[in-house]
């Protein structure tokens, strides 16, 4: 079964969920959003994905936010936003 993790970054919360190839939601988590603290937002996203991946074999991660979207695949990061587009490699 192929599983993906979706992350929704908002001003008051960051929500994460795991879905299968049929779109069935297997688990959902949410944390308070640090809204204006970019490093804290990144840490919160990482914590959600890490926690979900301890219970699910996640193959891809998609992150959405108003005006921006980030897609994580197993070893590559693609960042799409109003201005920037970059690729890189995830560590560990």
N, C-alpha and C. Protein backbone atom coordinates (compact mmCIF):
# COMPACT_ATOMS: atom_id res chain seq x y z
N UNK A 1 0.84 -1.17 0.00
CA UNK A 1 0.00 0.00 0.00
C UNK A 1 0.90 1.24 0.00
N UNK A 2 0.68 2.17 -0.93
CA UNK A 2 1.42 3.43 -1.00
C UNK A 2 0.78 4.45 -0.08
N UNK A 3 1.60 5.08 0.76
CA UNK A 3 1.11 6.07 1.70
C UNK A 3 1.78 7.41 1.47
N UNK A 4 1.02 8.47 1.65
CA UNK A 4 1.56 9.83 1.53
C UNK A 4 1.14 10.61 2.77
N UNK A 5 1.93 11.61 3.10
CA UNK A 5 1.63 12.49 4.22
C UNK A 5 1.35 13.88 3.66
N UNK A 6 0.26 14.47 4.08
CA UNK A 6 -0.06 15.83 3.68
C UNK A 6 0.02 16.74 4.88
N UNK A 7 0.65 17.91 4.70
CA UNK A 7 0.79 18.89 5.78
C UNK A 7 0.13 20.19 5.33
N UNK A 8 -0.71 20.76 6.19
CA UNK A 8 -1.39 22.03 5.93
C UNK A 8 -0.88 23.05 6.94
N UNK A 9 -0.14 24.06 6.45
CA UNK A 9 0.42 25.08 7.32
C UNK A 9 -0.50 26.29 7.33
N UNK A 10 -1.02 26.61 8.50
CA UNK A 10 -1.90 27.76 8.65
C UNK A 10 -1.37 28.71 9.71
N UNK A 11 -2.07 29.80 9.90
CA UNK A 11 -1.66 30.80 10.87
C UNK A 11 -1.93 30.41 12.31
N UNK A 12 -2.89 29.50 12.53
CA UNK A 12 -3.21 29.08 13.89
C UNK A 12 -2.88 27.61 14.16
N UNK A 13 -2.76 26.81 13.10
CA UNK A 13 -2.45 25.39 13.30
C UNK A 13 -1.65 24.85 12.12
N UNK A 14 -0.95 23.76 12.39
CA UNK A 14 -0.31 22.97 11.34
C UNK A 14 -0.90 21.58 11.47
N UNK A 15 -1.56 21.12 10.42
CA UNK A 15 -2.22 19.81 10.44
C UNK A 15 -1.46 18.85 9.54
N UNK A 16 -1.42 17.59 9.95
CA UNK A 16 -0.77 16.56 9.15
C UNK A 16 -1.65 15.33 9.10
N UNK A 17 -1.59 14.63 8.00
CA UNK A 17 -2.37 13.41 7.87
C UNK A 17 -1.70 12.43 6.94
N UNK A 18 -2.04 11.18 7.11
CA UNK A 18 -1.53 10.11 6.25
C UNK A 18 -2.70 9.56 5.45
N UNK A 19 -2.50 9.43 4.13
CA UNK A 19 -3.55 8.88 3.26
C UNK A 19 -2.97 7.74 2.43
N UNK A 20 -3.86 6.82 2.06
CA UNK A 20 -3.43 5.73 1.17
C UNK A 20 -3.70 6.12 -0.28
N UNK A 21 -3.43 5.19 -1.21
CA UNK A 21 -3.57 5.47 -2.64
C UNK A 21 -5.02 5.72 -3.06
N UNK A 22 -5.96 5.40 -2.19
CA UNK A 22 -7.38 5.63 -2.48
C UNK A 22 -7.90 6.93 -1.85
N UNK A 23 -7.02 7.63 -1.14
CA UNK A 23 -7.42 8.87 -0.48
C UNK A 23 -8.02 8.67 0.90
N UNK A 24 -7.96 7.45 1.41
CA UNK A 24 -8.49 7.17 2.74
C UNK A 24 -7.54 7.75 3.79
N UNK A 25 -8.07 8.56 4.69
CA UNK A 25 -7.25 9.15 5.76
C UNK A 25 -7.04 8.09 6.84
N UNK A 26 -5.77 7.78 7.10
CA UNK A 26 -5.42 6.77 8.08
C UNK A 26 -5.13 7.35 9.46
N UNK A 27 -4.62 8.59 9.48
CA UNK A 27 -4.32 9.25 10.75
C UNK A 27 -4.20 10.75 10.52
N UNK A 28 -4.59 11.51 11.53
CA UNK A 28 -4.47 12.97 11.49
C UNK A 28 -3.85 13.47 12.79
N UNK A 29 -3.01 14.49 12.68
CA UNK A 29 -2.43 15.16 13.85
C UNK A 29 -2.48 16.65 13.60
N UNK A 30 -2.46 17.45 14.66
CA UNK A 30 -2.35 18.90 14.49
C UNK A 30 -1.63 19.48 15.69
N UNK A 31 -0.90 20.57 15.41
CA UNK A 31 -0.19 21.31 16.45
C UNK A 31 -0.46 22.79 16.24
N UNK A 32 -0.24 23.56 17.28
CA UNK A 32 -0.39 25.01 17.18
C UNK A 32 0.70 25.55 16.25
N UNK A 33 0.34 26.52 15.42
CA UNK A 33 1.30 27.10 14.49
C UNK A 33 2.06 28.24 15.16
N UNK A 34 3.39 28.25 15.00
CA UNK A 34 4.17 29.38 15.49
C UNK A 34 4.10 30.58 14.53
N UNK A 35 3.19 30.54 13.58
CA UNK A 35 2.81 31.58 12.61
C UNK A 35 3.92 32.41 11.99
N UNK A 36 4.66 33.18 12.75
CA UNK A 36 5.64 34.11 12.16
C UNK A 36 7.08 33.68 12.37
N UNK A 37 7.30 32.54 12.98
CA UNK A 37 8.65 32.05 13.28
C UNK A 37 8.99 30.91 12.31
N UNK A 38 9.66 31.26 11.20
CA UNK A 38 9.92 30.28 10.14
C UNK A 38 10.67 29.06 10.64
N UNK A 39 11.78 29.20 11.39
CA UNK A 39 12.45 27.99 11.88
C UNK A 39 11.55 27.12 12.76
N UNK A 40 10.68 27.75 13.55
CA UNK A 40 9.75 26.97 14.40
C UNK A 40 8.69 26.28 13.56
N UNK A 41 8.25 26.90 12.47
CA UNK A 41 7.30 26.26 11.55
C UNK A 41 7.95 25.04 10.92
N UNK A 42 9.19 25.20 10.44
CA UNK A 42 9.92 24.07 9.85
C UNK A 42 10.08 22.93 10.85
N UNK A 43 10.41 23.28 12.10
CA UNK A 43 10.58 22.25 13.14
C UNK A 43 9.26 21.55 13.42
N UNK A 44 8.15 22.30 13.44
CA UNK A 44 6.84 21.69 13.68
C UNK A 44 6.45 20.74 12.56
N UNK A 45 6.73 21.12 11.31
CA UNK A 45 6.46 20.24 10.17
C UNK A 45 7.29 18.97 10.29
N UNK A 46 8.57 19.14 10.57
CA UNK A 46 9.46 17.98 10.71
C UNK A 46 8.98 17.05 11.82
N UNK A 47 8.55 17.62 12.94
CA UNK A 47 8.06 16.81 14.06
C UNK A 47 6.81 16.03 13.67
N UNK A 48 5.86 16.68 12.98
CA UNK A 48 4.65 15.99 12.54
C UNK A 48 4.97 14.83 11.61
N UNK A 49 5.81 15.09 10.60
CA UNK A 49 6.15 14.05 9.63
C UNK A 49 6.90 12.92 10.31
N UNK A 50 7.83 13.26 11.19
CA UNK A 50 8.59 12.24 11.90
C UNK A 50 7.68 11.37 12.76
N UNK A 51 6.76 12.00 13.49
CA UNK A 51 5.84 11.23 14.33
C UNK A 51 4.95 10.32 13.50
N UNK A 52 4.39 10.85 12.42
CA UNK A 52 3.53 10.03 11.56
C UNK A 52 4.31 8.89 10.92
N UNK A 53 5.56 9.15 10.56
CA UNK A 53 6.35 8.11 9.89
C UNK A 53 6.80 7.01 10.84
N UNK A 54 6.67 7.21 12.15
CA UNK A 54 6.99 6.12 13.08
C UNK A 54 5.91 5.04 13.06
N UNK A 55 4.72 5.41 12.56
CA UNK A 55 3.60 4.46 12.53
C UNK A 55 3.16 4.08 11.13
N UNK A 56 3.69 4.79 10.11
CA UNK A 56 3.27 4.55 8.73
C UNK A 56 4.48 4.60 7.80
N UNK A 57 4.48 3.76 6.77
CA UNK A 57 5.57 3.74 5.78
C UNK A 57 5.29 4.80 4.71
N UNK A 58 5.54 6.05 5.06
CA UNK A 58 5.25 7.18 4.18
C UNK A 58 6.27 7.23 3.04
N UNK A 59 5.77 7.35 1.81
CA UNK A 59 6.64 7.40 0.63
C UNK A 59 6.81 8.81 0.07
N UNK A 60 5.89 9.71 0.39
CA UNK A 60 5.98 11.09 -0.12
C UNK A 60 5.27 12.01 0.86
N UNK A 61 5.73 13.27 0.88
CA UNK A 61 5.13 14.28 1.75
C UNK A 61 4.84 15.51 0.92
N UNK A 62 3.62 16.04 1.06
CA UNK A 62 3.25 17.29 0.42
C UNK A 62 2.89 18.31 1.48
N UNK A 63 3.38 19.54 1.30
CA UNK A 63 3.12 20.60 2.27
C UNK A 63 2.47 21.77 1.54
N UNK A 64 1.35 22.23 2.06
CA UNK A 64 0.67 23.36 1.45
C UNK A 64 0.48 24.49 2.44
N UNK A 65 0.54 25.71 1.93
CA UNK A 65 0.28 26.90 2.74
C UNK A 65 -0.24 27.97 1.79
N UNK A 66 -0.94 28.93 2.31
CA UNK A 66 -1.49 29.99 1.48
C UNK A 66 -0.38 30.65 0.66
N UNK A 67 -0.48 30.53 -0.66
CA UNK A 67 0.50 31.16 -1.54
C UNK A 67 1.76 30.35 -1.78
N UNK A 68 1.93 29.22 -1.09
CA UNK A 68 3.14 28.42 -1.24
C UNK A 68 2.78 26.94 -1.21
N UNK A 69 3.64 26.12 -1.77
CA UNK A 69 3.49 24.67 -1.65
C UNK A 69 4.87 24.04 -1.69
N UNK A 70 5.07 23.03 -0.88
CA UNK A 70 6.34 22.31 -0.83
C UNK A 70 6.03 20.83 -1.02
N UNK A 71 6.77 20.15 -1.86
CA UNK A 71 6.58 18.73 -2.06
C UNK A 71 7.86 18.01 -1.68
N UNK A 72 7.76 17.04 -0.78
CA UNK A 72 8.92 16.23 -0.40
C UNK A 72 8.71 14.83 -0.96
N UNK A 73 9.71 14.34 -1.68
CA UNK A 73 9.71 12.94 -2.11
C UNK A 73 10.87 12.27 -1.41
N UNK A 74 11.04 10.98 -1.49
CA UNK A 74 11.98 10.29 -0.61
C UNK A 74 13.34 10.95 -0.38
N UNK A 75 14.01 11.46 -1.40
CA UNK A 75 15.32 12.08 -1.16
C UNK A 75 15.46 13.46 -1.77
N UNK A 76 14.43 13.97 -2.38
CA UNK A 76 14.53 15.27 -3.04
C UNK A 76 13.48 16.22 -2.50
N UNK A 77 13.85 17.48 -2.36
CA UNK A 77 12.91 18.50 -1.93
C UNK A 77 12.69 19.45 -3.09
N UNK A 78 11.45 19.69 -3.46
CA UNK A 78 11.12 20.66 -4.49
C UNK A 78 10.28 21.74 -3.84
N UNK A 79 10.71 22.98 -3.93
CA UNK A 79 10.00 24.08 -3.29
C UNK A 79 9.42 24.96 -4.37
N UNK A 80 8.11 25.19 -4.30
CA UNK A 80 7.43 26.05 -5.26
C UNK A 80 6.76 27.18 -4.49
N UNK A 81 6.98 28.38 -4.88
CA UNK A 81 6.33 29.52 -4.26
C UNK A 81 6.13 30.60 -5.29
N UNK A 82 5.61 31.74 -4.87
CA UNK A 82 5.36 32.82 -5.83
C UNK A 82 6.62 33.29 -6.54
N UNK A 83 7.77 33.18 -5.87
CA UNK A 83 9.01 33.69 -6.46
C UNK A 83 10.05 32.61 -6.65
N UNK A 84 10.19 31.71 -5.69
CA UNK A 84 11.33 30.78 -5.68
C UNK A 84 10.97 29.39 -6.17
N UNK A 85 11.92 28.74 -6.78
CA UNK A 85 11.82 27.34 -7.15
C UNK A 85 13.22 26.75 -6.99
N UNK A 86 13.36 25.74 -6.12
CA UNK A 86 14.69 25.18 -5.87
C UNK A 86 14.55 23.69 -5.59
N UNK A 87 15.63 22.96 -5.78
CA UNK A 87 15.63 21.55 -5.40
C UNK A 87 16.84 21.31 -4.51
N UNK A 88 16.77 20.28 -3.70
CA UNK A 88 17.88 19.94 -2.81
C UNK A 88 17.71 18.52 -2.34
N UNK A 89 18.55 18.12 -1.39
CA UNK A 89 18.50 16.75 -0.88
C UNK A 89 18.20 16.76 0.60
N UNK A 90 17.32 15.87 1.05
CA UNK A 90 17.03 15.73 2.46
C UNK A 90 18.14 14.95 3.13
N UNK A 91 18.52 15.35 4.32
CA UNK A 91 19.51 14.58 5.08
C UNK A 91 18.78 13.54 5.93
N UNK A 92 19.51 12.44 6.22
CA UNK A 92 19.00 11.40 7.12
C UNK A 92 17.71 10.85 6.70
